[in-house]
Amino acid sequence: MIIERLVGDSGEAAQVIGVGRGMAERSLPLLQKALAGELGAPVTVDLQAVEVGRVPDARLHAGDTFAMTIVASPTSADAMTLVMDAPAIAVMVCTLFGGDPDQPVSPIERELSRIEIDVATMVFQEVALALNGSGRRSLDLRLPVPKAMSGGEAKRRMLRDGAAIRIAYGISTPTDTGTVTVMIPQRILMATRGATANVNDDGTTEFDWRARFSEEVMRSAVRLEATMPLARLTLGDLASLQPGQVIEFEENAQSQAKLSARGKTLFVCEFGKLGQNYTVRVRHPHDAGQDFIDGLMPG
């Protein structure tokens, strides 16, 4: 958390979108072929969008009925989040069971059945395989994907916030179109795809150099400063202060000490004493948004 606050976990937007689009476009023919093989009938797969976003936004456009799964990797429990909306599930189920592709499919406005969840899981598996890649550029996903969740379980599932790349695939027949949304955290994408794009003559990559520099950064010394709020004074009171005057701490000042490094507040702490030494005990991470609100409404 401290490193994320100091250096961030997101890349430059244009670079992230470029890497994501290249990966998505390479996956399209693989995904088209895989779904046609599973279904025994053609469906059209197209790339609808590649954009930056946040991981929890994966469900933003899915409506009330959708299927979702989260795929892990050795370095992350949420390396990929996949969401399939009800129209896409309806298209896949209808095509799989021999429905007329020229006739509109019945919309799904209820809890998903076991068969529909199995079909969504199959689609998620093919999407993950197409995007995973191989070799040094692989996302190294743990496959097969977990069984899709739906209903209340999918809606209540907490998604760890973080910068991500959003890839949206359209799955369609001549009459209907649905969407499969893929969210990949930017820290995963840039480490495996963006950072390994350039390989030097000696075999080292940008990722290797980043790892070396990161190790040195972790060893570097950072000066910590702990401060306590003193008191709220008017400008008149401040102007009338004289040498020797004593200013009282506010009642809760001891529990509102702030720990910062290089001018950036990291934690809210509690001031105390251990033996002959003064101490601060970390209470919780600093919330800049809440701090801003508190500043607008003093007292």
Protein backbone atom coordinates (compact mmCIF):
# COMPACT_ATOMS: atom_id res chain seq x y z
CA MET A 1 0.00 0.00 0.00
CA ILE A 2 2.84 2.41 0.83
CA ILE A 3 4.53 1.71 -2.52
CA GLU A 4 1.22 2.17 -4.37
CA ARG A 5 0.73 5.54 -2.67
CA LEU A 6 4.25 6.63 -3.57
CA VAL A 7 4.66 5.32 -7.12
CA GLY A 8 1.18 4.11 -8.17
CA ASP A 9 0.11 0.87 -9.88
CA SER A 10 -1.14 2.24 -13.19
CA GLY A 11 0.51 3.07 -16.47
CA GLU A 12 0.13 5.91 -18.96
CA ALA A 13 -3.38 5.61 -20.47
CA ALA A 14 -2.38 5.61 -24.15
CA GLN A 15 0.27 2.95 -23.58
CA VAL A 16 -2.09 0.75 -21.54
CA ILE A 17 -4.83 0.99 -24.18
CA GLY A 18 -2.34 0.21 -26.94
CA VAL A 19 -1.11 -2.92 -25.18
CA GLY A 20 -4.66 -4.00 -24.36
CA ARG A 21 -5.90 -3.45 -27.91
CA GLY A 22 -3.03 -5.42 -29.40
CA MET A 23 -3.74 -8.33 -27.05
CA ALA A 24 -7.50 -8.19 -27.72
CA GLU A 25 -7.10 -8.06 -31.50
CA ARG A 26 -4.72 -11.03 -31.51
CA SER A 27 -7.22 -13.02 -29.44
CA LEU A 28 -10.20 -12.40 -31.75
CA PRO A 29 -9.55 -15.10 -34.39
CA LEU A 30 -8.62 -17.60 -31.67
CA LEU A 31 -11.84 -16.88 -29.78
CA GLN A 32 -13.97 -16.99 -32.93
CA LYS A 33 -12.53 -20.38 -33.89
CA ALA A 34 -12.84 -21.80 -30.37
CA LEU A 35 -16.50 -20.82 -29.95
CA ALA A 36 -17.40 -22.11 -33.40
CA GLY A 37 -15.79 -25.43 -32.46
CA GLU A 38 -17.73 -25.62 -29.18
CA LEU A 39 -21.05 -24.65 -30.73
CA GLY A 40 -20.89 -26.39 -34.08
CA ALA A 41 -22.51 -23.26 -35.51
CA PRO A 42 -21.12 -19.81 -36.33
CA VAL A 43 -21.47 -16.83 -34.04
CA THR A 44 -19.85 -13.47 -34.67
CA VAL A 45 -17.27 -12.23 -32.18
CA ASP A 46 -16.15 -8.62 -32.47
CA LEU A 47 -14.16 -6.19 -30.37
CA GLN A 48 -16.47 -3.51 -28.99
CA ALA A 49 -14.17 -1.51 -26.71
CA VAL A 50 -10.72 -1.30 -25.18
CA GLU A 51 -10.44 1.36 -22.48
CA VAL A 52 -8.99 2.10 -19.07
CA GLY A 53 -11.22 1.65 -16.03
CA ARG A 54 -11.43 0.24 -12.52
CA VAL A 55 -11.83 -3.44 -11.67
CA PRO A 56 -15.18 -2.99 -9.80
CA ASP A 57 -16.65 -1.48 -13.01
CA ALA A 58 -16.72 -4.95 -14.58
CA ARG A 59 -20.40 -5.31 -13.63
CA LEU A 60 -21.33 -1.72 -14.47
CA HIS A 61 -23.10 -2.42 -17.79
CA ALA A 62 -24.17 -6.03 -17.20
CA GLY A 63 -27.70 -5.33 -15.95
CA ASP A 64 -29.47 -7.33 -13.26
CA THR A 65 -28.79 -10.79 -14.74
CA PHE A 66 -25.22 -11.81 -15.53
CA ALA A 67 -22.55 -14.42 -14.94
CA MET A 68 -19.12 -13.68 -13.52
CA THR A 69 -15.89 -15.44 -12.68
CA ILE A 70 -12.49 -14.37 -11.35
CA VAL A 71 -9.31 -16.06 -12.57
CA ALA A 72 -6.15 -16.13 -10.46
CA SER A 73 -2.47 -16.28 -11.37
CA PRO A 74 0.63 -17.07 -9.26
CA THR A 75 1.08 -13.35 -8.56
CA SER A 76 -2.54 -12.22 -8.12
CA ALA A 77 -5.82 -13.65 -6.85
CA ASP A 78 -7.72 -11.50 -9.37
CA ALA A 79 -5.56 -11.47 -12.51
CA MET A 80 -8.69 -11.44 -14.70
CA THR A 81 -12.37 -10.71 -14.01
CA LEU A 82 -14.91 -11.81 -16.64
CA VAL A 83 -18.57 -10.80 -16.83
CA MET A 84 -21.12 -12.06 -19.38
CA ASP A 85 -24.47 -10.29 -19.68
CA ALA A 86 -27.84 -11.98 -20.15
CA PRO A 87 -28.15 -11.31 -23.93
CA ALA A 88 -24.77 -12.97 -24.56
CA ILE A 89 -25.77 -15.99 -22.46
CA ALA A 90 -29.07 -16.24 -24.34
CA VAL A 91 -27.28 -16.10 -27.71
CA MET A 92 -24.83 -18.84 -26.71
CA VAL A 93 -27.49 -21.15 -25.21
CA CYS A 94 -29.79 -20.75 -28.21
CA THR A 95 -26.99 -21.43 -30.69
CA LEU A 96 -25.63 -24.37 -28.68
CA PHE A 97 -29.00 -26.12 -28.63
CA GLY A 98 -29.82 -25.60 -32.31
CA GLY A 99 -31.94 -22.46 -32.22
CA ASP A 100 -32.67 -20.61 -35.45
CA PRO A 101 -29.99 -17.88 -35.70
CA ASP A 102 -32.34 -15.73 -37.78
CA GLN A 103 -34.99 -15.62 -35.04
CA PRO A 104 -34.72 -13.38 -31.96
CA VAL A 105 -33.83 -15.22 -28.76
CA SER A 106 -35.97 -14.94 -25.65
CA PRO A 107 -34.39 -12.51 -23.13
CA ILE A 108 -33.32 -13.93 -19.77
CA GLU A 109 -35.02 -12.02 -16.96
CA ARG A 110 -34.69 -14.56 -14.14
CA GLU A 111 -32.01 -16.40 -12.18
CA LEU A 112 -29.67 -18.34 -14.44
CA SER A 113 -30.19 -22.09 -14.70
CA ARG A 114 -27.42 -24.63 -14.17
CA ILE A 115 -27.09 -25.17 -17.92
CA GLU A 116 -26.81 -21.42 -18.56
CA ILE A 117 -24.12 -21.13 -15.89
CA ASP A 118 -22.22 -24.04 -17.48
CA VAL A 119 -22.42 -22.35 -20.89
CA ALA A 120 -21.13 -19.07 -19.42
CA THR A 121 -18.25 -20.97 -17.78
CA MET A 122 -17.38 -22.52 -21.15
CA VAL A 123 -17.28 -19.09 -22.79
CA PHE A 124 -15.14 -17.69 -19.97
CA GLN A 125 -12.71 -20.59 -20.44
CA GLU A 126 -12.29 -19.86 -24.15
CA VAL A 127 -11.89 -16.10 -23.58
CA ALA A 128 -9.25 -16.69 -20.89
CA LEU A 129 -7.38 -19.16 -23.12
CA ALA A 130 -7.39 -16.73 -26.04
CA LEU A 131 -6.05 -13.85 -23.92
CA ASN A 132 -3.63 -15.83 -21.77
CA GLY A 133 -0.85 -16.14 -24.35
CA SER A 134 2.29 -18.20 -23.87
CA GLY A 135 5.96 -17.94 -22.99
CA ARG A 136 7.37 -14.79 -21.42
CA ARG A 137 4.30 -12.80 -22.49
CA SER A 138 1.81 -15.16 -20.85
CA LEU A 139 -0.56 -13.86 -18.19
CA ASP A 140 0.05 -17.25 -16.53
CA LEU A 141 -3.61 -17.68 -15.61
CA ARG A 142 -4.62 -20.64 -13.46
CA LEU A 143 -6.86 -22.58 -15.82
CA PRO A 144 -9.47 -23.97 -16.10
CA VAL A 145 -11.45 -20.97 -14.92
CA PRO A 146 -13.59 -21.29 -11.76
CA LYS A 147 -17.26 -22.08 -12.31
CA ALA A 148 -19.27 -18.95 -13.08
CA MET A 149 -21.29 -17.34 -10.30
CA SER A 150 -24.57 -15.50 -10.79
CA GLY A 151 -27.48 -13.91 -8.94
CA GLY A 152 -26.89 -12.58 -5.44
CA GLU A 153 -23.51 -14.27 -5.15
CA ALA A 154 -22.17 -12.41 -8.20
CA LYS A 155 -23.66 -9.09 -7.09
CA ARG A 156 -22.31 -9.34 -3.54
CA ARG A 157 -18.83 -10.48 -4.52
CA MET A 158 -16.32 -7.82 -3.52
CA LEU A 159 -13.89 -6.83 -6.27
CA ARG A 160 -10.57 -5.34 -5.19
CA ASP A 161 -10.33 -1.81 -6.52
CA GLY A 162 -7.49 -0.90 -8.81
CA ALA A 163 -6.65 0.53 -12.23
CA ALA A 164 -7.52 -1.91 -15.02
CA ILE A 165 -7.87 -2.30 -18.76
CA ARG A 166 -11.43 -3.09 -19.92
CA ILE A 167 -11.88 -5.27 -23.00
CA ALA A 168 -15.44 -5.78 -24.27
CA TYR A 169 -16.27 -8.49 -26.82
CA GLY A 170 -19.57 -8.61 -28.67
CA ILE A 171 -21.10 -12.05 -29.28
CA SER A 172 -23.88 -11.90 -31.83
CA THR A 173 -26.18 -13.59 -34.31
CA PRO A 174 -28.02 -11.72 -37.08
CA THR A 175 -30.76 -10.76 -34.60
CA ASP A 176 -29.16 -10.46 -31.14
CA THR A 177 -25.96 -9.18 -29.52
CA GLY A 178 -24.52 -9.65 -26.05
CA THR A 179 -21.30 -8.59 -24.33
CA VAL A 180 -18.47 -10.32 -22.51
CA THR A 181 -16.43 -7.87 -20.44
CA VAL A 182 -12.86 -8.63 -19.36
CA MET A 183 -11.06 -6.63 -16.68
CA ILE A 184 -7.29 -7.09 -16.28
CA PRO A 185 -5.49 -5.04 -13.59
CA GLN A 186 -2.95 -2.71 -15.15
CA ARG A 187 -0.23 -4.01 -12.83
CA ILE A 188 -0.70 -7.47 -14.41
CA LEU A 189 -0.98 -6.23 -18.00
CA MET A 190 2.07 -3.97 -17.96
CA ALA A 191 4.25 -6.47 -16.12
CA THR A 192 3.61 -9.26 -18.64
CA ARG A 193 2.77 -7.52 -21.91
CA GLY A 194 3.88 -3.91 -21.76
CA ALA A 195 7.18 -4.31 -19.96
CA THR A 196 8.38 -7.30 -21.98
CA ALA A 197 7.79 -5.70 -25.35
CA ASN A 198 11.47 -4.76 -25.76
CA VAL A 199 14.15 -7.41 -25.37
CA ASN A 200 17.79 -6.33 -25.36
CA ASP A 201 20.67 -8.13 -27.07
CA ASP A 202 21.76 -9.75 -23.82
CA GLY A 203 18.29 -11.25 -23.28
CA THR A 204 17.27 -8.83 -20.56
CA THR A 205 13.90 -7.13 -20.88
CA GLU A 206 12.41 -3.94 -19.59
CA PHE A 207 10.63 -6.08 -16.99
CA ASP A 208 14.00 -7.43 -15.79
CA TRP A 209 15.34 -3.92 -15.39
CA ARG A 210 12.17 -2.81 -13.62
CA ALA A 211 12.55 -5.72 -11.20
CA ARG A 212 16.17 -4.77 -10.48
CA PHE A 213 15.32 -1.12 -9.93
CA SER A 214 12.30 -2.06 -7.80
CA GLU A 215 14.56 -4.15 -5.56
CA GLU A 216 16.88 -1.18 -5.09
CA VAL A 217 13.90 1.11 -4.43
CA MET A 218 12.67 -1.23 -1.71
CA ARG A 219 16.10 -1.00 -0.05
CA SER A 220 16.27 2.79 -0.17
CA ALA A 221 15.84 4.73 3.06
CA VAL A 222 12.80 6.98 3.42
CA ARG A 223 12.56 9.62 6.14
CA LEU A 224 9.32 9.31 8.11
CA GLU A 225 7.73 12.27 9.85
CA ALA A 226 5.00 12.07 12.48
CA THR A 227 2.90 15.14 13.23
CA MET A 228 0.03 15.82 15.62
CA PRO A 229 -2.77 18.36 15.16
CA LEU A 230 -2.32 21.13 17.67
CA ALA A 231 -5.39 23.38 17.90
CA ARG A 232 -7.76 25.45 15.80
CA LEU A 233 -7.07 29.16 16.18
CA THR A 234 -8.43 32.22 14.48
CA LEU A 235 -6.01 34.43 12.60
CA GLY A 236 -6.49 37.00 15.36
CA ASP A 237 -5.48 34.49 18.04
CA LEU A 238 -2.47 33.45 15.97
CA ALA A 239 -1.35 37.04 15.50
CA SER A 240 -1.55 37.74 19.25
CA LEU A 241 0.68 34.83 20.32
CA GLN A 242 3.66 35.84 22.46
CA PRO A 243 6.85 33.96 23.45
CA GLY A 244 6.22 31.83 26.51
CA GLN A 245 2.53 31.23 25.89
CA VAL A 246 1.30 27.63 26.20
CA ILE A 247 -1.09 26.11 23.65
CA GLU A 248 -3.16 23.11 24.65
CA PHE A 249 -3.55 20.08 22.43
CA GLU A 250 -7.05 19.23 21.29
CA GLU A 251 -8.74 16.43 23.22
CA ASN A 252 -8.29 13.78 20.47
CA ALA A 253 -4.95 15.05 19.15
CA GLN A 254 -3.03 12.07 20.55
CA SER A 255 -5.02 9.63 18.41
CA GLN A 256 -4.76 11.74 15.24
CA ALA A 257 -1.02 11.76 14.61
CA LYS A 258 -0.15 11.44 10.92
CA LEU A 259 2.79 9.52 9.49
CA SER A 260 4.14 10.86 6.20
CA ALA A 261 7.06 10.46 3.83
CA ARG A 262 8.25 12.99 1.25
CA GLY A 263 5.27 15.19 1.91
CA LYS A 264 2.68 12.41 1.36
CA THR A 265 0.57 11.28 4.31
CA LEU A 266 0.52 7.48 4.60
CA PHE A 267 -1.10 6.51 7.91
CA VAL A 268 -3.11 7.89 10.81
CA CYS A 269 -1.40 6.92 14.06
CA GLU A 270 -1.75 7.16 17.83
CA PHE A 271 0.92 9.00 19.78
CA GLY A 272 2.25 7.26 22.90
CA LYS A 273 5.25 6.36 24.99
CA LEU A 274 7.11 3.08 25.52
CA GLY A 275 9.59 3.24 28.39
CA GLN A 276 11.69 6.34 27.85
CA ASN A 277 10.88 6.55 24.13
CA TYR A 278 8.01 8.31 22.41
CA THR A 279 6.16 6.19 19.83
CA VAL A 280 3.40 6.27 17.23
CA ARG A 281 1.17 3.23 16.66
CA VAL A 282 -0.35 2.80 13.19
CA ARG A 283 -4.16 2.86 13.37
CA HIS A 284 -5.29 2.84 9.73
CA PRO A 285 -4.24 4.07 6.25
CA HIS A 286 -4.75 7.74 5.56
CA ASP A 287 -7.95 8.50 3.59
CA ALA A 288 -7.28 11.65 1.57
CA GLY A 289 -10.92 11.95 0.50
CA GLN A 290 -12.21 11.83 4.05
CA ASP A 291 -9.49 14.25 5.14
CA PHE A 292 -10.67 16.69 2.47
CA ILE A 293 -14.30 16.40 3.61
CA ASP A 294 -13.29 16.91 7.25
CA GLY A 295 -11.42 20.05 6.22
CA LEU A 296 -14.57 21.43 4.58
CA MET A 297 -16.65 20.85 7.71
CA PRO A 298 -14.45 21.71 10.70
CA GLY A 299 -15.72 20.63 14.08
